[in-house]
Amino acid sequence: PDSLGLRVFAARSEVGFDLGLPPALAGEARKADIAGLGLSWTRDTRDD
């Protein structure tokens, strides 16, 4: 029931606030490149 997984992903995101960026997020960029790798181990013994 065991398996190993590898995931690759990439995306571009952009955030826009209705009333401007909140003070707590003042240092964050509105645009971000989201990219990376995911590794996983799964054990699945369900009957359905």
All heavy atoms as atom14 arrays in JSON, in Angstrom:
{
  "sequence": "PDSLGLRVFAARSEVGFDLGLPPALAGEARKADIAGLGLSWTRDTRDD",
  "atom14_mask": [
    [1, 1, 1, 1, 1, 1, 1, 0, 0, 0, 0, 0, 0, 0],
    [1, 1, 1, 1, 1, 1, 1, 1, 0, 0, 0, 0, 0, 0],
    [1, 1, 1, 1, 1, 1, 0, 0, 0, 0, 0, 0, 0, 0],
    [1, 1, 1, 1, 1, 1, 1, 1, 0, 0, 0, 0, 0, 0],
    [1, 1, 1, 1, 0, 0, 0, 0, 0, 0, 0, 0, 0, 0],
    [1, 1, 1, 1, 1, 1, 1, 1, 0, 0, 0, 0, 0, 0],
    [1, 1, 1, 1, 1, 1, 1, 1, 1, 1, 1, 0, 0, 0],
    [1, 1, 1, 1, 1, 1, 1, 0, 0, 0, 0, 0, 0, 0],
    [1, 1, 1, 1, 1, 1, 1, 1, 1, 1, 1, 0, 0, 0],
    [1, 1, 1, 1, 1, 0, 0, 0, 0, 0, 0, 0, 0, 0],
    [1, 1, 1, 1, 1, 0, 0, 0, 0, 0, 0, 0, 0, 0],
    [1, 1, 1, 1, 1, 1, 1, 1, 1, 1, 1, 0, 0, 0],
    [1, 1, 1, 1, 1, 1, 0, 0, 0, 0, 0, 0, 0, 0],
    [1, 1, 1, 1, 1, 1, 1, 1, 1, 0, 0, 0, 0, 0],
    [1, 1, 1, 1, 1, 1, 1, 0, 0, 0, 0, 0, 0, 0],
    [1, 1, 1, 1, 0, 0, 0, 0, 0, 0, 0, 0, 0, 0],
    [1, 1, 1, 1, 1, 1, 1, 1, 1, 1, 1, 0, 0, 0],
    [1, 1, 1, 1, 1, 1, 1, 1, 0, 0, 0, 0, 0, 0],
    [1, 1, 1, 1, 1, 1, 1, 1, 0, 0, 0, 0, 0, 0],
    [1, 1, 1, 1, 0, 0, 0, 0, 0, 0, 0, 0, 0, 0],
    [1, 1, 1, 1, 1, 1, 1, 1, 0, 0, 0, 0, 0, 0],
    [1, 1, 1, 1, 1, 1, 1, 0, 0, 0, 0, 0, 0, 0],
    [1, 1, 1, 1, 1, 1, 1, 0, 0, 0, 0, 0, 0, 0],
    [1, 1, 1, 1, 1, 0, 0, 0, 0, 0, 0, 0, 0, 0],
    [1, 1, 1, 1, 1, 1, 1, 1, 0, 0, 0, 0, 0, 0],
    [1, 1, 1, 1, 1, 0, 0, 0, 0, 0, 0, 0, 0, 0],
    [1, 1, 1, 1, 0, 0, 0, 0, 0, 0, 0, 0, 0, 0],
    [1, 1, 1, 1, 1, 1, 1, 1, 1, 0, 0, 0, 0, 0],
    [1, 1, 1, 1, 1, 0, 0, 0, 0, 0, 0, 0, 0, 0],
    [1, 1, 1, 1, 1, 1, 1, 1, 1, 1, 1, 0, 0, 0],
    [1, 1, 1, 1, 1, 1, 1, 1, 1, 0, 0, 0, 0, 0],
    [1, 1, 1, 1, 1, 0, 0, 0, 0, 0, 0, 0, 0, 0],
    [1, 1, 1, 1, 1, 1, 1, 1, 0, 0, 0, 0, 0, 0],
    [1, 1, 1, 1, 1, 1, 1, 1, 0, 0, 0, 0, 0, 0],
    [1, 1, 1, 1, 1, 0, 0, 0, 0, 0, 0, 0, 0, 0],
    [1, 1, 1, 1, 0, 0, 0, 0, 0, 0, 0, 0, 0, 0],
    [1, 1, 1, 1, 1, 1, 1, 1, 0, 0, 0, 0, 0, 0],
    [1, 1, 1, 1, 0, 0, 0, 0, 0, 0, 0, 0, 0, 0],
    [1, 1, 1, 1, 1, 1, 1, 1, 0, 0, 0, 0, 0, 0],
    [1, 1, 1, 1, 1, 1, 0, 0, 0, 0, 0, 0, 0, 0],
    [1, 1, 1, 1, 1, 1, 1, 1, 1, 1, 1, 1, 1, 1],
    [1, 1, 1, 1, 1, 1, 1, 0, 0, 0, 0, 0, 0, 0],
    [1, 1, 1, 1, 1, 1, 1, 1, 1, 1, 1, 0, 0, 0],
    [1, 1, 1, 1, 1, 1, 1, 1, 0, 0, 0, 0, 0, 0],
    [1, 1, 1, 1, 1, 1, 1, 0, 0, 0, 0, 0, 0, 0],
    [1, 1, 1, 1, 1, 1, 1, 1, 1, 1, 1, 0, 0, 0],
    [1, 1, 1, 1, 1, 1, 1, 1, 0, 0, 0, 0, 0, 0],
    [1, 1, 1, 1, 1, 1, 1, 1, 0, 0, 0, 0, 0, 0]
  ],
  "atom14_positions": [
    [[0.79, -1.23, 0.0], [0.0, 0.0, 0.0], [0.82, 1.28, 0.0], [0.26, 2.37, 0.07], [-0.79, -0.12, 1.3], [0.12, -0.86, 2.21], [0.86, -1.84, 1.34], [0.0, 0.0, 0.0], [0.0, 0.0, 0.0], [0.0, 0.0, 0.0], [0.0, 0.0, 0.0], [0.0, 0.0, 0.0], [0.0, 0.0, 0.0], [0.0, 0.0, 0.0]],
    [[2.16, 1.16, -0.06], [3.02, 2.34, 0.03], [3.4, 2.87, -1.34], [3.54, 2.12, -2.31], [4.3, 2.0, 0.8], [4.01, 1.48, 2.2], [3.51, 2.27, 3.01], [4.27, 0.28, 2.45], [0.0, 0.0, 0.0], [0.0, 0.0, 0.0], [0.0, 0.0, 0.0], [0.0, 0.0, 0.0], [0.0, 0.0, 0.0], [0.0, 0.0, 0.0]],
    [[3.59, 4.2, -1.4], [4.03, 4.82, -2.64], [4.83, 6.08, -2.33], [4.68, 6.68, -1.25], [2.84, 5.17, -3.55], [1.99, 6.11, -2.91], [0.0, 0.0, 0.0], [0.0, 0.0, 0.0], [0.0, 0.0, 0.0], [0.0, 0.0, 0.0], [0.0, 0.0, 0.0], [0.0, 0.0, 0.0], [0.0, 0.0, 0.0], [0.0, 0.0, 0.0]],
    [[5.7, 6.45, -3.27], [6.47, 7.68, -3.18], [6.03, 8.63, -4.28], [5.72, 8.2, -5.39], [7.97, 7.4, -3.3], [8.61, 6.57, -2.19], [10.08, 6.33, -2.52], [8.49, 7.28, -0.84], [0.0, 0.0, 0.0], [0.0, 0.0, 0.0], [0.0, 0.0, 0.0], [0.0, 0.0, 0.0], [0.0, 0.0, 0.0], [0.0, 0.0, 0.0]],
    [[6.01, 9.94, -3.98], [5.57, 10.91, -4.96], [6.56, 12.05, -5.11], [7.24, 12.44, -4.16], [0.0, 0.0, 0.0], [0.0, 0.0, 0.0], [0.0, 0.0, 0.0], [0.0, 0.0, 0.0], [0.0, 0.0, 0.0], [0.0, 0.0, 0.0], [0.0, 0.0, 0.0], [0.0, 0.0, 0.0], [0.0, 0.0, 0.0], [0.0, 0.0, 0.0]],
    [[6.64, 12.58, -6.33], [7.45, 13.76, -6.64], [6.58, 14.72, -7.42], [5.96, 14.34, -8.42], [8.68, 13.38, -7.46], [9.5, 14.55, -8.03], [10.13, 15.35, -6.89], [10.57, 14.05, -8.99], [0.0, 0.0, 0.0], [0.0, 0.0, 0.0], [0.0, 0.0, 0.0], [0.0, 0.0, 0.0], [0.0, 0.0, 0.0], [0.0, 0.0, 0.0]],
    [[6.53, 15.98, -6.97], [5.71, 16.99, -7.64], [6.56, 18.19, -7.97], [7.38, 18.65, -7.14], [4.54, 17.41, -6.74], [3.6, 18.43, -7.37], [2.35, 18.58, -6.52], [2.63, 19.2, -5.24], [2.44, 20.51, -4.99], [1.99, 21.31, -5.94], [2.72, 20.98, -3.8], [0.0, 0.0, 0.0], [0.0, 0.0, 0.0], [0.0, 0.0, 0.0]],
    [[6.41, 18.72, -9.18], [7.03, 19.98, -9.57], [5.9, 20.95, -9.92], [4.89, 20.55, -10.51], [8.0, 19.8, -10.76], [9.17, 18.92, -10.36], [7.29, 19.22, -11.97], [0.0, 0.0, 0.0], [0.0, 0.0, 0.0], [0.0, 0.0, 0.0], [0.0, 0.0, 0.0], [0.0, 0.0, 0.0], [0.0, 0.0, 0.0], [0.0, 0.0, 0.0]],
    [[6.08, 22.21, -9.59], [5.03, 23.18, -9.83], [5.63, 24.56, -10.05], [6.74, 24.86, -9.59], [4.05, 23.23, -8.64], [4.7, 23.5, -7.31], [4.89, 24.79, -6.85], [5.16, 22.45, -6.52], [5.5, 25.04, -5.63], [5.77, 22.68, -5.3], [5.94, 23.98, -4.85], [0.0, 0.0, 0.0], [0.0, 0.0, 0.0], [0.0, 0.0, 0.0]],
    [[4.9, 25.39, -10.76], [5.32, 26.76, -11.02], [4.08, 27.6, -11.27], [3.12, 27.15, -11.91], [6.26, 26.85, -12.21], [0.0, 0.0, 0.0], [0.0, 0.0, 0.0], [0.0, 0.0, 0.0], [0.0, 0.0, 0.0], [0.0, 0.0, 0.0], [0.0, 0.0, 0.0], [0.0, 0.0, 0.0], [0.0, 0.0, 0.0], [0.0, 0.0, 0.0]],
    [[4.07, 28.81, -10.76], [2.94, 29.71, -10.94], [3.41, 31.14, -10.75], [4.45, 31.4, -10.14], [1.8, 29.38, -9.97], [0.0, 0.0, 0.0], [0.0, 0.0, 0.0], [0.0, 0.0, 0.0], [0.0, 0.0, 0.0], [0.0, 0.0, 0.0], [0.0, 0.0, 0.0], [0.0, 0.0, 0.0], [0.0, 0.0, 0.0], [0.0, 0.0, 0.0]],
    [[2.62, 32.05, -11.26], [2.82, 33.48, -11.02], [1.56, 34.03, -10.4], [0.45, 33.78, -10.88], [3.15, 34.2, -12.32], [3.31, 35.71, -12.17], [4.15, 36.29, -13.28], [5.54, 35.85, -13.18], [6.48, 36.2, -14.04], [6.19, 36.96, -15.08], [7.72, 35.78, -13.87], [0.0, 0.0, 0.0], [0.0, 0.0, 0.0], [0.0, 0.0, 0.0]],
    [[1.71, 34.77, -9.3], [0.55, 35.3, -8.59], [0.67, 36.8, -8.41], [1.77, 37.36, -8.39], [0.42, 34.62, -7.21], [1.51, 34.99, -6.38], [0.0, 0.0, 0.0], [0.0, 0.0, 0.0], [0.0, 0.0, 0.0], [0.0, 0.0, 0.0], [0.0, 0.0, 0.0], [0.0, 0.0, 0.0], [0.0, 0.0, 0.0], [0.0, 0.0, 0.0]],
    [[-0.49, 37.43, -8.26], [-0.54, 38.87, -8.01], [-1.72, 39.16, -7.09], [-2.82, 38.65, -7.27], [-0.69, 39.66, -9.31], [-0.68, 41.16, -9.11], [-0.69, 41.93, -10.42], [-0.63, 41.28, -11.48], [-0.74, 43.18, -10.37], [0.0, 0.0, 0.0], [0.0, 0.0, 0.0], [0.0, 0.0, 0.0], [0.0, 0.0, 0.0], [0.0, 0.0, 0.0]],
    [[-1.47, 40.0, -6.09], [-2.48, 40.35, -5.09], [-2.88, 41.81, -5.24], [-2.04, 42.68, -5.45], [-1.93, 40.1, -3.66], [-2.86, 40.69, -2.61], [-1.76, 38.62, -3.41], [0.0, 0.0, 0.0], [0.0, 0.0, 0.0], [0.0, 0.0, 0.0], [0.0, 0.0, 0.0], [0.0, 0.0, 0.0], [0.0, 0.0, 0.0], [0.0, 0.0, 0.0]],
    [[-4.18, 42.07, -5.15], [-4.69, 43.44, -5.16], [-5.72, 43.63, -4.08], [-6.75, 42.93, -4.06], [0.0, 0.0, 0.0], [0.0, 0.0, 0.0], [0.0, 0.0, 0.0], [0.0, 0.0, 0.0], [0.0, 0.0, 0.0], [0.0, 0.0, 0.0], [0.0, 0.0, 0.0], [0.0, 0.0, 0.0], [0.0, 0.0, 0.0], [0.0, 0.0, 0.0]],
    [[-5.47, 44.55, -3.13], [-6.39, 44.83, -2.04], [-7.34, 45.95, -2.41], [-6.96, 46.91, -3.09], [-5.63, 45.19, -0.77], [-5.14, 44.01, 0.01], [-3.95, 43.38, -0.32], [-5.88, 43.5, 1.08], [-3.5, 42.28, 0.4], [-5.44, 42.41, 1.8], [-4.25, 41.79, 1.46], [0.0, 0.0, 0.0], [0.0, 0.0, 0.0], [0.0, 0.0, 0.0]],
    [[-8.57, 45.87, -1.92], [-9.58, 46.89, -2.22], [-9.17, 48.26, -1.69], [-9.37, 49.28, -2.36], [-10.93, 46.5, -1.6], [-11.5, 45.24, -2.22], [-10.99, 44.8, -3.26], [-12.46, 44.68, -1.64], [0.0, 0.0, 0.0], [0.0, 0.0, 0.0], [0.0, 0.0, 0.0], [0.0, 0.0, 0.0], [0.0, 0.0, 0.0], [0.0, 0.0, 0.0]],
    [[-8.62, 48.29, -0.47], [-8.31, 49.56, 0.2], [-6.82, 49.78, 0.38], [-6.38, 50.47, 1.28], [-9.01, 49.61, 1.57], [-10.53, 49.45, 1.54], [-11.1, 49.43, 2.95], [-11.17, 50.57, 0.73], [0.0, 0.0, 0.0], [0.0, 0.0, 0.0], [0.0, 0.0, 0.0], [0.0, 0.0, 0.0], [0.0, 0.0, 0.0], [0.0, 0.0, 0.0]],
    [[-6.02, 49.18, -0.49], [-4.58, 49.32, -0.37], [-3.99, 48.26, 0.54], [-4.69, 47.63, 1.34], [0.0, 0.0, 0.0], [0.0, 0.0, 0.0], [0.0, 0.0, 0.0], [0.0, 0.0, 0.0], [0.0, 0.0, 0.0], [0.0, 0.0, 0.0], [0.0, 0.0, 0.0], [0.0, 0.0, 0.0], [0.0, 0.0, 0.0], [0.0, 0.0, 0.0]],
    [[-2.69, 48.08, 0.46], [-2.0, 47.04, 1.2], [-2.08, 47.32, 2.7], [-1.79, 48.44, 3.15], [-0.54, 46.98, 0.76], [0.2, 45.64, 0.9], [-0.47, 44.58, 0.02], [1.66, 45.83, 0.5], [0.0, 0.0, 0.0], [0.0, 0.0, 0.0], [0.0, 0.0, 0.0], [0.0, 0.0, 0.0], [0.0, 0.0, 0.0], [0.0, 0.0, 0.0]],
    [[-2.48, 46.34, 3.53], [-2.5, 46.53, 4.98], [-1.1, 46.85, 5.5], [-0.1, 46.37, 4.94], [-2.99, 45.18, 5.52], [-3.69, 44.55, 4.37], [-2.98, 45.01, 3.14], [0.0, 0.0, 0.0], [0.0, 0.0, 0.0], [0.0, 0.0, 0.0], [0.0, 0.0, 0.0], [0.0, 0.0, 0.0], [0.0, 0.0, 0.0], [0.0, 0.0, 0.0]],
    [[-0.99, 47.63, 6.58], [0.34, 48.0, 7.12], [1.22, 46.8, 7.42], [2.44, 46.83, 7.2], [-0.01, 48.77, 8.39], [-1.37, 49.33, 8.13], [-2.08, 48.3, 7.3], [0.0, 0.0, 0.0], [0.0, 0.0, 0.0], [0.0, 0.0, 0.0], [0.0, 0.0, 0.0], [0.0, 0.0, 0.0], [0.0, 0.0, 0.0], [0.0, 0.0, 0.0]],
    [[0.63, 45.71, 7.91], [1.43, 44.53, 8.25], [2.07, 43.88, 7.03], [3.03, 43.11, 7.16], [0.56, 43.5, 8.98], [0.0, 0.0, 0.0], [0.0, 0.0, 0.0], [0.0, 0.0, 0.0], [0.0, 0.0, 0.0], [0.0, 0.0, 0.0], [0.0, 0.0, 0.0], [0.0, 0.0, 0.0], [0.0, 0.0, 0.0], [0.0, 0.0, 0.0]],
    [[1.55, 44.17, 5.83], [2.09, 43.59, 4.59], [2.88, 44.6, 3.79], [3.16, 44.37, 2.61], [0.94, 43.06, 3.73], [0.07, 41.95, 4.34], [-1.03, 41.55, 3.37], [0.9, 40.74, 4.73], [0.0, 0.0, 0.0], [0.0, 0.0, 0.0], [0.0, 0.0, 0.0], [0.0, 0.0, 0.0], [0.0, 0.0, 0.0], [0.0, 0.0, 0.0]],
    [[3.27, 45.7, 4.42], [3.93, 46.78, 3.68], [5.21, 46.32, 2.99], [5.58, 46.84, 1.95], [4.24, 47.94, 4.63], [0.0, 0.0, 0.0], [0.0, 0.0, 0.0], [0.0, 0.0, 0.0], [0.0, 0.0, 0.0], [0.0, 0.0, 0.0], [0.0, 0.0, 0.0], [0.0, 0.0, 0.0], [0.0, 0.0, 0.0], [0.0, 0.0, 0.0]],
    [[5.89, 45.33, 3.56], [7.14, 44.87, 2.96], [6.98, 43.79, 1.92], [7.96, 43.36, 1.3], [0.0, 0.0, 0.0], [0.0, 0.0, 0.0], [0.0, 0.0, 0.0], [0.0, 0.0, 0.0], [0.0, 0.0, 0.0], [0.0, 0.0, 0.0], [0.0, 0.0, 0.0], [0.0, 0.0, 0.0], [0.0, 0.0, 0.0], [0.0, 0.0, 0.0]],
    [[5.76, 43.31, 1.69], [5.54, 42.22, 0.75], [5.29, 42.74, -0.66], [4.62, 43.75, -0.86], [4.34, 41.36, 1.19], [4.62, 40.55, 2.44], [3.73, 39.31, 2.53], [3.07, 38.99, 1.52], [3.7, 38.69, 3.6], [0.0, 0.0, 0.0], [0.0, 0.0, 0.0], [0.0, 0.0, 0.0], [0.0, 0.0, 0.0], [0.0, 0.0, 0.0]],
    [[5.81, 42.01, -1.64], [5.59, 42.36, -3.04], [4.19, 41.92, -3.46], [3.68, 40.9, -2.99], [6.63, 41.68, -3.92], [0.0, 0.0, 0.0], [0.0, 0.0, 0.0], [0.0, 0.0, 0.0], [0.0, 0.0, 0.0], [0.0, 0.0, 0.0], [0.0, 0.0, 0.0], [0.0, 0.0, 0.0], [0.0, 0.0, 0.0], [0.0, 0.0, 0.0]],
    [[3.58, 42.69, -4.36], [2.25, 42.35, -4.85], [2.3, 41.15, -5.78], [1.36, 40.39, -5.9], [1.62, 43.54, -5.57], [1.3, 44.7, -4.66], [0.72, 45.88, -5.42], [-0.52, 45.51, -6.11], [-0.64, 45.45, -7.42], [0.4, 45.7, -8.21], [-1.8, 45.13, -7.98], [0.0, 0.0, 0.0], [0.0, 0.0, 0.0], [0.0, 0.0, 0.0]],
    [[3.45, 40.96, -6.45], [3.61, 39.84, -7.38], [4.6, 38.84, -6.8], [5.54, 39.21, -6.11], [4.09, 40.32, -8.74], [3.13, 41.26, -9.45], [3.66, 41.67, -10.81], [2.67, 42.58, -11.54], [3.18, 42.98, -12.88], [0.0, 0.0, 0.0], [0.0, 0.0, 0.0], [0.0, 0.0, 0.0], [0.0, 0.0, 0.0], [0.0, 0.0, 0.0]],
    [[4.38, 37.55, -7.09], [5.28, 36.52, -6.6], [5.38, 35.4, -7.62], [4.4, 35.07, -8.3], [4.81, 35.96, -5.27], [0.0, 0.0, 0.0], [0.0, 0.0, 0.0], [0.0, 0.0, 0.0], [0.0, 0.0, 0.0], [0.0, 0.0, 0.0], [0.0, 0.0, 0.0], [0.0, 0.0, 0.0], [0.0, 0.0, 0.0], [0.0, 0.0, 0.0]],
    [[6.59, 34.85, -7.74], [6.8, 33.63, -8.52], [6.8, 32.46, -7.55], [7.59, 32.42, -6.6], [8.13, 33.68, -9.27], [8.11, 34.72, -10.38], [7.07, 34.89, -11.02], [9.15, 35.38, -10.59], [0.0, 0.0, 0.0], [0.0, 0.0, 0.0], [0.0, 0.0, 0.0], [0.0, 0.0, 0.0], [0.0, 0.0, 0.0], [0.0, 0.0, 0.0]],
    [[5.89, 31.52, -7.77], [5.73, 30.36, -6.89], [6.25, 29.14, -7.64], [5.67, 28.73, -8.65], [4.25, 30.16, -6.52], [3.7, 31.41, -5.84], [4.08, 28.94, -5.62], [2.19, 31.4, -5.69], [0.0, 0.0, 0.0], [0.0, 0.0, 0.0], [0.0, 0.0, 0.0], [0.0, 0.0, 0.0], [0.0, 0.0, 0.0], [0.0, 0.0, 0.0]],
    [[7.35, 28.58, -7.18], [7.94, 27.42, -7.86], [8.66, 26.55, -6.85], [9.2, 27.06, -5.87], [8.9, 27.88, -8.96], [0.0, 0.0, 0.0], [0.0, 0.0, 0.0], [0.0, 0.0, 0.0], [0.0, 0.0, 0.0], [0.0, 0.0, 0.0], [0.0, 0.0, 0.0], [0.0, 0.0, 0.0], [0.0, 0.0, 0.0], [0.0, 0.0, 0.0]],
    [[8.66, 25.25, -7.1], [9.35, 24.38, -6.17], [9.12, 22.91, -6.43], [8.63, 22.51, -7.5], [0.0, 0.0, 0.0], [0.0, 0.0, 0.0], [0.0, 0.0, 0.0], [0.0, 0.0, 0.0], [0.0, 0.0, 0.0], [0.0, 0.0, 0.0], [0.0, 0.0, 0.0], [0.0, 0.0, 0.0], [0.0, 0.0, 0.0], [0.0, 0.0, 0.0]],
    [[9.46, 22.12, -5.42], [9.35, 20.66, -5.47], [8.6, 20.16, -4.25], [8.69, 20.73, -3.16], [10.74, 20.02, -5.48], [11.65, 20.26, -6.68], [13.03, 19.69, -6.39], [11.07, 19.61, -7.93], [0.0, 0.0, 0.0], [0.0, 0.0, 0.0], [0.0, 0.0, 0.0], [0.0, 0.0, 0.0], [0.0, 0.0, 0.0], [0.0, 0.0, 0.0]],
    [[7.87, 19.07, -4.44], [7.23, 18.39, -3.33], [7.59, 16.92, -3.32], [7.57, 16.26, -4.37], [0.0, 0.0, 0.0], [0.0, 0.0, 0.0], [0.0, 0.0, 0.0], [0.0, 0.0, 0.0], [0.0, 0.0, 0.0], [0.0, 0.0, 0.0], [0.0, 0.0, 0.0], [0.0, 0.0, 0.0], [0.0, 0.0, 0.0], [0.0, 0.0, 0.0]],
    [[7.93, 16.4, -2.16], [8.24, 14.98, -1.99], [7.24, 14.41, -0.99], [6.92, 15.05, 0.03], [9.66, 14.78, -1.46], [10.8, 15.31, -2.34], [12.12, 15.19, -1.58], [10.87, 14.56, -3.65], [0.0, 0.0, 0.0], [0.0, 0.0, 0.0], [0.0, 0.0, 0.0], [0.0, 0.0, 0.0], [0.0, 0.0, 0.0], [0.0, 0.0, 0.0]],
    [[6.74, 13.19, -1.23], [5.74, 12.63, -0.33], [5.87, 11.12, -0.25], [6.35, 10.46, -1.17], [4.33, 13.0, -0.79], [4.05, 12.44, -2.07], [0.0, 0.0, 0.0], [0.0, 0.0, 0.0], [0.0, 0.0, 0.0], [0.0, 0.0, 0.0], [0.0, 0.0, 0.0], [0.0, 0.0, 0.0], [0.0, 0.0, 0.0], [0.0, 0.0, 0.0]],
    [[5.44, 10.59, 0.89], [5.28, 9.15, 1.1], [3.84, 8.91, 1.53], [3.32, 9.61, 2.41], [6.23, 8.64, 2.17], [5.89, 7.25, 2.62], [6.11, 6.07, 1.97], [5.25, 6.88, 3.87], [5.64, 5.0, 2.7], [5.11, 5.48, 3.86], [4.78, 7.62, 4.96], [4.53, 4.8, 4.94], [4.18, 6.94, 6.01], [4.08, 5.54, 6.0]],
    [[3.16, 7.95, 0.9], [1.76, 7.67, 1.18], [1.57, 6.19, 1.46], [2.15, 5.34, 0.78], [0.86, 8.08, -0.02], [0.97, 9.48, -0.24], [-0.6, 7.72, 0.25], [0.0, 0.0, 0.0], [0.0, 0.0, 0.0], [0.0, 0.0, 0.0], [0.0, 0.0, 0.0], [0.0, 0.0, 0.0], [0.0, 0.0, 0.0], [0.0, 0.0, 0.0]],
    [[0.75, 5.9, 2.46], [0.34, 4.52, 2.75], [-1.19, 4.52, 2.77], [-1.81, 5.2, 3.6], [0.89, 4.04, 4.09], [0.53, 2.58, 4.41], [1.18, 2.13, 5.71], [0.87, 0.74, 6.01], [1.53, -0.3, 5.54], [2.57, -0.1, 4.73], [1.19, -1.53, 5.86], [0.0, 0.0, 0.0], [0.0, 0.0, 0.0], [0.0, 0.0, 0.0]],
    [[-1.81, 3.77, 1.86], [-3.25, 3.8, 1.68], [-3.82, 2.39, 1.73], [-3.59, 1.58, 0.83], [-3.6, 4.46, 0.33], [-5.07, 4.79, 0.2], [-5.86, 4.38, 1.07], [-5.44, 5.48, -0.77], [0.0, 0.0, 0.0], [0.0, 0.0, 0.0], [0.0, 0.0, 0.0], [0.0, 0.0, 0.0], [0.0, 0.0, 0.0], [0.0, 0.0, 0.0]],
    [[-4.55, 2.08, 2.8], [-5.16, 0.75, 2.95], [-6.69, 0.84, 2.99], [-7.35, -0.1, 3.42], [-4.66, 0.07, 4.24], [-5.04, 0.86, 5.37], [-3.15, -0.1, 4.21], [0.0, 0.0, 0.0], [0.0, 0.0, 0.0], [0.0, 0.0, 0.0], [0.0, 0.0, 0.0], [0.0, 0.0, 0.0], [0.0, 0.0, 0.0], [0.0, 0.0, 0.0]],
    [[-7.26, 1.96, 2.56], [-8.72, 2.1, 2.57], [-9.37, 1.08, 1.63], [-8.78, 0.67, 0.63], [-9.12, 3.51, 2.13], [-8.67, 4.62, 3.06], [-8.94, 5.97, 2.45], [-8.18, 6.16, 1.23], [-8.35, 7.17, 0.38], [-9.28, 8.08, 0.62], [-7.6, 7.26, -0.7], [0.0, 0.0, 0.0], [0.0, 0.0, 0.0], [0.0, 0.0, 0.0]],
    [[-10.62, 0.72, 1.94], [-11.33, -0.23, 1.09], [-12.07, 0.45, -0.05], [-12.59, -0.22, -0.94], [-12.3, -1.08, 1.92], [-13.3, -0.23, 2.7], [-13.18, 1.01, 2.69], [-14.21, -0.82, 3.33], [0.0, 0.0, 0.0], [0.0, 0.0, 0.0], [0.0, 0.0, 0.0], [0.0, 0.0, 0.0], [0.0, 0.0, 0.0], [0.0, 0.0, 0.0]],
    [[-12.12, 1.78, -0.05], [-12.81, 2.51, -1.12], [-12.31, 3.95, -1.11], [-11.98, 4.49, -0.04], [-14.33, 2.47, -0.91], [-15.1, 3.04, -2.09], [-15.24, 2.33, -3.1], [-15.54, 4.19, -2.0], [0.0, 0.0, 0.0], [0.0, 0.0, 0.0], [0.0, 0.0, 0.0], [0.0, 0.0, 0.0], [0.0, 0.0, 0.0], [0.0, 0.0, 0.0]]
  ]
}
